[in-house]
Structures are given as structure tokens and as C-alpha cells.
């Protein structure tokens, strides 16, 4: 969480940041995004991902599982855009 929150501080307004992990646990994936939304929703918005061939959507991002993706994953990602009003 602290690393992502710090990264969002230096991203220019209007620019995007991709948060990605190789974790399967919701605590390390959507949980981090949810905590960031709770504490710093004024700083960014979550950009919903376009549907991909593999994986499935989560609350805030996309999760790819190795058993469903021809060897890709595990992979989680969430795209964040820094707000223009920062």
C-alpha cells in the first residue's frame, strides 16, 4: 500500500499508473486498491480494464490464473489515473 500511495504522489495529473502483482490473494490485489480508495480517493480513479482473452475481472482490476491462460500468470493488474484536480 505505502509503495503504491507514494507512486501516485509523483504521477502527473492526468497520467496513468498500473499496479500489478504476481499474487493470488485479494489482500495484495484488490485489497490494496480498496485501502487506497478509502484513504486517497481524491487522488485517482480506477480505469476498468477491457475484457481480455484470459482471466477474469475483479472488483477493481483483472486477475489471470495460470491454469486458465496457457501458462500466463498468476497476474493481477489495476490501472489508476491521477485526477486533474490534484
N, C-alpha and C. Protein backbone atom coordinates (compact mmCIF):
# COMPACT_ATOMS: atom_id res chain seq x y z
N UNK A 1 0.81 -1.18 0.00
CA UNK A 1 0.00 0.00 0.00
C UNK A 1 0.87 1.26 0.00
N UNK A 2 1.85 1.31 0.88
CA UNK A 2 2.69 2.50 1.01
C UNK A 2 3.45 2.79 -0.28
N UNK A 3 3.93 1.77 -0.93
CA UNK A 3 4.66 1.95 -2.19
C UNK A 3 3.75 2.51 -3.27
N UNK A 4 2.55 1.98 -3.38
CA UNK A 4 1.59 2.46 -4.38
C UNK A 4 1.14 3.89 -4.06
N UNK A 5 0.86 4.18 -2.81
CA UNK A 5 0.44 5.53 -2.42
C UNK A 5 1.55 6.54 -2.73
N UNK A 6 2.79 6.16 -2.49
CA UNK A 6 3.92 7.05 -2.81
C UNK A 6 4.06 7.25 -4.31
N UNK A 7 3.88 6.20 -5.07
CA UNK A 7 3.99 6.30 -6.53
C UNK A 7 2.93 7.24 -7.09
N UNK A 8 1.72 7.16 -6.55
CA UNK A 8 0.65 8.05 -7.03
C UNK A 8 0.94 9.52 -6.73
N UNK A 9 1.72 9.78 -5.70
CA UNK A 9 2.07 11.15 -5.36
C UNK A 9 2.93 11.81 -6.45
N UNK A 10 3.73 11.01 -7.16
CA UNK A 10 4.66 11.57 -8.14
C UNK A 10 4.15 11.48 -9.58
N UNK A 11 3.05 10.77 -9.79
CA UNK A 11 2.47 10.69 -11.13
C UNK A 11 1.81 12.02 -11.45
N UNK A 12 2.06 12.54 -12.63
CA UNK A 12 1.48 13.83 -13.02
C UNK A 12 -0.03 13.70 -13.19
N UNK A 13 -0.77 14.73 -12.86
CA UNK A 13 -2.22 14.72 -13.07
C UNK A 13 -2.56 14.38 -14.53
N UNK A 14 -3.55 13.51 -14.68
CA UNK A 14 -3.98 13.07 -16.00
C UNK A 14 -3.23 11.85 -16.51
N UNK A 15 -2.16 11.44 -15.84
CA UNK A 15 -1.37 10.29 -16.26
C UNK A 15 -1.85 9.02 -15.55
N UNK A 16 -1.42 7.88 -16.07
CA UNK A 16 -1.86 6.60 -15.51
C UNK A 16 -0.70 5.86 -14.85
N UNK A 17 -1.09 4.97 -13.97
CA UNK A 17 -0.16 4.09 -13.27
C UNK A 17 -0.79 2.71 -13.24
N UNK A 18 -0.01 1.68 -13.52
CA UNK A 18 -0.51 0.31 -13.47
C UNK A 18 0.06 -0.36 -12.22
N UNK A 19 -0.84 -0.82 -11.36
CA UNK A 19 -0.46 -1.59 -10.19
C UNK A 19 -0.59 -3.05 -10.56
N UNK A 20 0.49 -3.81 -10.41
CA UNK A 20 0.48 -5.21 -10.83
C UNK A 20 1.21 -6.06 -9.80
N UNK A 21 0.68 -7.27 -9.59
CA UNK A 21 1.34 -8.23 -8.70
C UNK A 21 1.30 -9.61 -9.34
N UNK A 22 2.08 -10.51 -8.77
CA UNK A 22 2.01 -11.91 -9.17
C UNK A 22 1.36 -12.72 -8.04
N UNK A 23 0.55 -12.05 -7.23
CA UNK A 23 -0.12 -12.67 -6.09
C UNK A 23 -1.52 -13.15 -6.46
N UNK A 24 -1.98 -14.13 -5.75
CA UNK A 24 -3.34 -14.63 -5.92
C UNK A 24 -4.28 -14.13 -4.83
N UNK A 25 -3.76 -13.57 -3.77
CA UNK A 25 -4.59 -13.18 -2.64
C UNK A 25 -5.26 -11.83 -2.86
N UNK A 26 -6.53 -11.74 -2.55
CA UNK A 26 -7.24 -10.46 -2.67
C UNK A 26 -6.63 -9.36 -1.80
N UNK A 27 -6.02 -9.71 -0.68
CA UNK A 27 -5.42 -8.72 0.20
C UNK A 27 -4.30 -7.96 -0.49
N UNK A 28 -3.55 -8.62 -1.35
CA UNK A 28 -2.43 -7.98 -2.05
C UNK A 28 -2.88 -7.33 -3.36
N UNK A 29 -4.08 -7.61 -3.80
CA UNK A 29 -4.55 -7.10 -5.08
C UNK A 29 -5.65 -6.06 -4.86
N UNK A 30 -6.89 -6.45 -4.98
CA UNK A 30 -8.00 -5.52 -4.78
C UNK A 30 -8.00 -4.91 -3.38
N UNK A 31 -7.47 -5.64 -2.40
CA UNK A 31 -7.42 -5.12 -1.05
C UNK A 31 -6.57 -3.86 -0.94
N UNK A 32 -5.46 -3.83 -1.65
CA UNK A 32 -4.59 -2.65 -1.66
C UNK A 32 -5.30 -1.49 -2.34
N UNK A 33 -5.98 -1.78 -3.45
CA UNK A 33 -6.70 -0.73 -4.17
C UNK A 33 -7.85 -0.21 -3.32
N UNK A 34 -8.56 -1.10 -2.64
CA UNK A 34 -9.67 -0.68 -1.78
C UNK A 34 -9.18 0.22 -0.64
N UNK A 35 -8.05 -0.13 -0.05
CA UNK A 35 -7.49 0.70 1.02
C UNK A 35 -7.10 2.08 0.47
N UNK A 36 -6.53 2.09 -0.72
CA UNK A 36 -6.16 3.36 -1.35
C UNK A 36 -7.39 4.20 -1.66
N UNK A 37 -8.46 3.56 -2.13
CA UNK A 37 -9.71 4.28 -2.38
C UNK A 37 -10.28 4.87 -1.10
N UNK A 38 -10.18 4.12 -0.03
CA UNK A 38 -10.72 4.58 1.26
C UNK A 38 -9.95 5.80 1.77
N UNK A 39 -8.64 5.79 1.58
CA UNK A 39 -7.81 6.86 2.14
C UNK A 39 -7.49 7.99 1.17
N UNK A 40 -7.45 7.71 -0.16
CA UNK A 40 -7.00 8.71 -1.11
C UNK A 40 -7.83 8.74 -2.39
N UNK A 41 -9.12 8.56 -2.29
CA UNK A 41 -10.00 8.57 -3.47
C UNK A 41 -9.96 9.91 -4.19
N UNK A 42 -9.55 10.96 -3.49
CA UNK A 42 -9.45 12.27 -4.11
C UNK A 42 -8.27 12.37 -5.09
N UNK A 43 -7.35 11.43 -5.03
CA UNK A 43 -6.12 11.50 -5.81
C UNK A 43 -6.20 10.79 -7.16
N UNK A 44 -7.10 9.82 -7.31
CA UNK A 44 -7.08 8.99 -8.53
C UNK A 44 -8.45 8.36 -8.78
N UNK A 45 -8.58 7.80 -9.97
CA UNK A 45 -9.74 6.97 -10.31
C UNK A 45 -9.23 5.64 -10.86
N UNK A 46 -10.03 4.61 -10.71
CA UNK A 46 -9.71 3.30 -11.26
C UNK A 46 -10.29 3.23 -12.66
N UNK A 47 -9.47 2.83 -13.61
CA UNK A 47 -9.90 2.67 -15.00
C UNK A 47 -10.21 1.19 -15.22
N UNK A 48 -11.47 0.84 -15.49
CA UNK A 48 -11.81 -0.57 -15.69
C UNK A 48 -11.08 -1.14 -16.90
N UNK A 49 -10.53 -2.33 -16.79
CA UNK A 49 -9.82 -2.92 -17.92
C UNK A 49 -10.79 -3.43 -18.98
N UNK A 50 -10.36 -3.39 -20.21
CA UNK A 50 -11.13 -4.01 -21.29
C UNK A 50 -11.05 -5.52 -21.12
N UNK A 51 -12.09 -6.24 -21.50
CA UNK A 51 -12.04 -7.70 -21.37
C UNK A 51 -10.86 -8.29 -22.13
N UNK A 52 -10.23 -9.26 -21.52
CA UNK A 52 -9.08 -9.93 -22.12
C UNK A 52 -9.44 -11.37 -22.46
N UNK A 53 -8.60 -11.99 -23.26
CA UNK A 53 -8.84 -13.38 -23.65
C UNK A 53 -8.75 -14.31 -22.44
N UNK A 54 -7.85 -14.00 -21.51
CA UNK A 54 -7.66 -14.85 -20.34
C UNK A 54 -8.02 -14.11 -19.07
N UNK A 55 -8.31 -14.87 -18.04
CA UNK A 55 -8.55 -14.29 -16.73
C UNK A 55 -9.98 -13.83 -16.55
N UNK A 56 -10.14 -13.05 -15.50
CA UNK A 56 -11.48 -12.56 -15.16
C UNK A 56 -11.37 -11.24 -14.40
N UNK A 57 -12.41 -10.44 -14.48
CA UNK A 57 -12.38 -9.16 -13.77
C UNK A 57 -12.51 -9.39 -12.26
N UNK A 58 -11.94 -8.46 -11.52
CA UNK A 58 -12.09 -8.43 -10.07
C UNK A 58 -12.85 -7.14 -9.74
N UNK A 59 -12.94 -6.80 -8.50
CA UNK A 59 -13.65 -5.58 -8.12
C UNK A 59 -13.04 -4.33 -8.73
N UNK A 60 -11.70 -4.32 -8.85
CA UNK A 60 -11.02 -3.12 -9.33
C UNK A 60 -10.08 -3.37 -10.50
N UNK A 61 -9.75 -4.60 -10.79
CA UNK A 61 -8.75 -4.89 -11.82
C UNK A 61 -9.07 -6.15 -12.60
N UNK A 62 -8.01 -6.89 -12.90
CA UNK A 62 -8.13 -8.11 -13.69
C UNK A 62 -7.15 -9.13 -13.13
N UNK A 63 -7.58 -10.39 -13.02
CA UNK A 63 -6.75 -11.48 -12.49
C UNK A 63 -6.62 -12.55 -13.55
N UNK A 64 -5.39 -12.97 -13.80
CA UNK A 64 -5.12 -14.05 -14.76
C UNK A 64 -4.54 -15.22 -13.98
N UNK A 65 -5.13 -16.39 -14.18
CA UNK A 65 -4.72 -17.60 -13.47
C UNK A 65 -3.95 -18.52 -14.42
N UNK A 66 -2.87 -19.15 -13.96
CA UNK A 66 -2.05 -19.97 -14.85
C UNK A 66 -2.78 -21.18 -15.43
N UNK A 67 -3.72 -21.74 -14.70
CA UNK A 67 -4.42 -22.92 -15.19
C UNK A 67 -5.49 -22.59 -16.24
N UNK A 68 -5.74 -21.30 -16.47
CA UNK A 68 -6.77 -20.90 -17.42
C UNK A 68 -6.20 -20.07 -18.57
N UNK A 69 -4.85 -19.97 -18.67
CA UNK A 69 -4.31 -18.99 -19.61
C UNK A 69 -3.08 -19.44 -20.38
N UNK A 70 -2.97 -20.70 -20.66
CA UNK A 70 -1.84 -21.21 -21.44
C UNK A 70 -0.50 -20.82 -20.83
N UNK A 71 -0.40 -20.87 -19.50
CA UNK A 71 0.86 -20.62 -18.82
C UNK A 71 1.10 -19.21 -18.33
N UNK A 72 0.21 -18.29 -18.62
CA UNK A 72 0.35 -16.93 -18.09
C UNK A 72 -0.09 -16.92 -16.64
N UNK A 73 0.49 -16.04 -15.87
CA UNK A 73 0.05 -15.82 -14.51
C UNK A 73 0.75 -16.67 -13.49
N UNK A 74 0.41 -16.48 -12.24
CA UNK A 74 -0.66 -15.60 -11.80
C UNK A 74 -0.28 -14.14 -12.01
N UNK A 75 -1.27 -13.36 -12.35
CA UNK A 75 -1.06 -11.95 -12.62
C UNK A 75 -2.31 -11.18 -12.25
N UNK A 76 -2.10 -10.08 -11.55
CA UNK A 76 -3.18 -9.15 -11.23
C UNK A 76 -2.73 -7.78 -11.69
N UNK A 77 -3.65 -6.99 -12.25
CA UNK A 77 -3.31 -5.60 -12.53
C UNK A 77 -4.53 -4.72 -12.40
N UNK A 78 -4.26 -3.46 -12.09
CA UNK A 78 -5.28 -2.43 -11.96
C UNK A 78 -4.69 -1.14 -12.51
N UNK A 79 -5.45 -0.45 -13.36
CA UNK A 79 -4.99 0.79 -13.95
C UNK A 79 -5.60 1.96 -13.19
N UNK A 80 -4.75 2.87 -12.76
CA UNK A 80 -5.17 4.04 -11.98
C UNK A 80 -4.83 5.30 -12.76
N UNK A 81 -5.71 6.26 -12.75
CA UNK A 81 -5.44 7.55 -13.38
C UNK A 81 -5.48 8.63 -12.32
N UNK A 82 -4.40 9.41 -12.30
CA UNK A 82 -4.35 10.53 -11.35
C UNK A 82 -5.30 11.62 -11.81
N UNK A 83 -6.06 12.14 -10.88
CA UNK A 83 -7.06 13.16 -11.20
C UNK A 83 -6.44 14.47 -11.63
N UNK A 84 -7.19 15.22 -12.41
CA UNK A 84 -6.72 16.51 -12.91
C UNK A 84 -6.77 17.59 -11.84
N UNK A 85 -7.49 17.36 -10.75
CA UNK A 85 -7.66 18.40 -9.74
C UNK A 85 -6.61 18.33 -8.64
N UNK A 86 -5.59 17.54 -8.82
CA UNK A 86 -4.58 17.37 -7.77
C UNK A 86 -3.58 18.51 -7.77
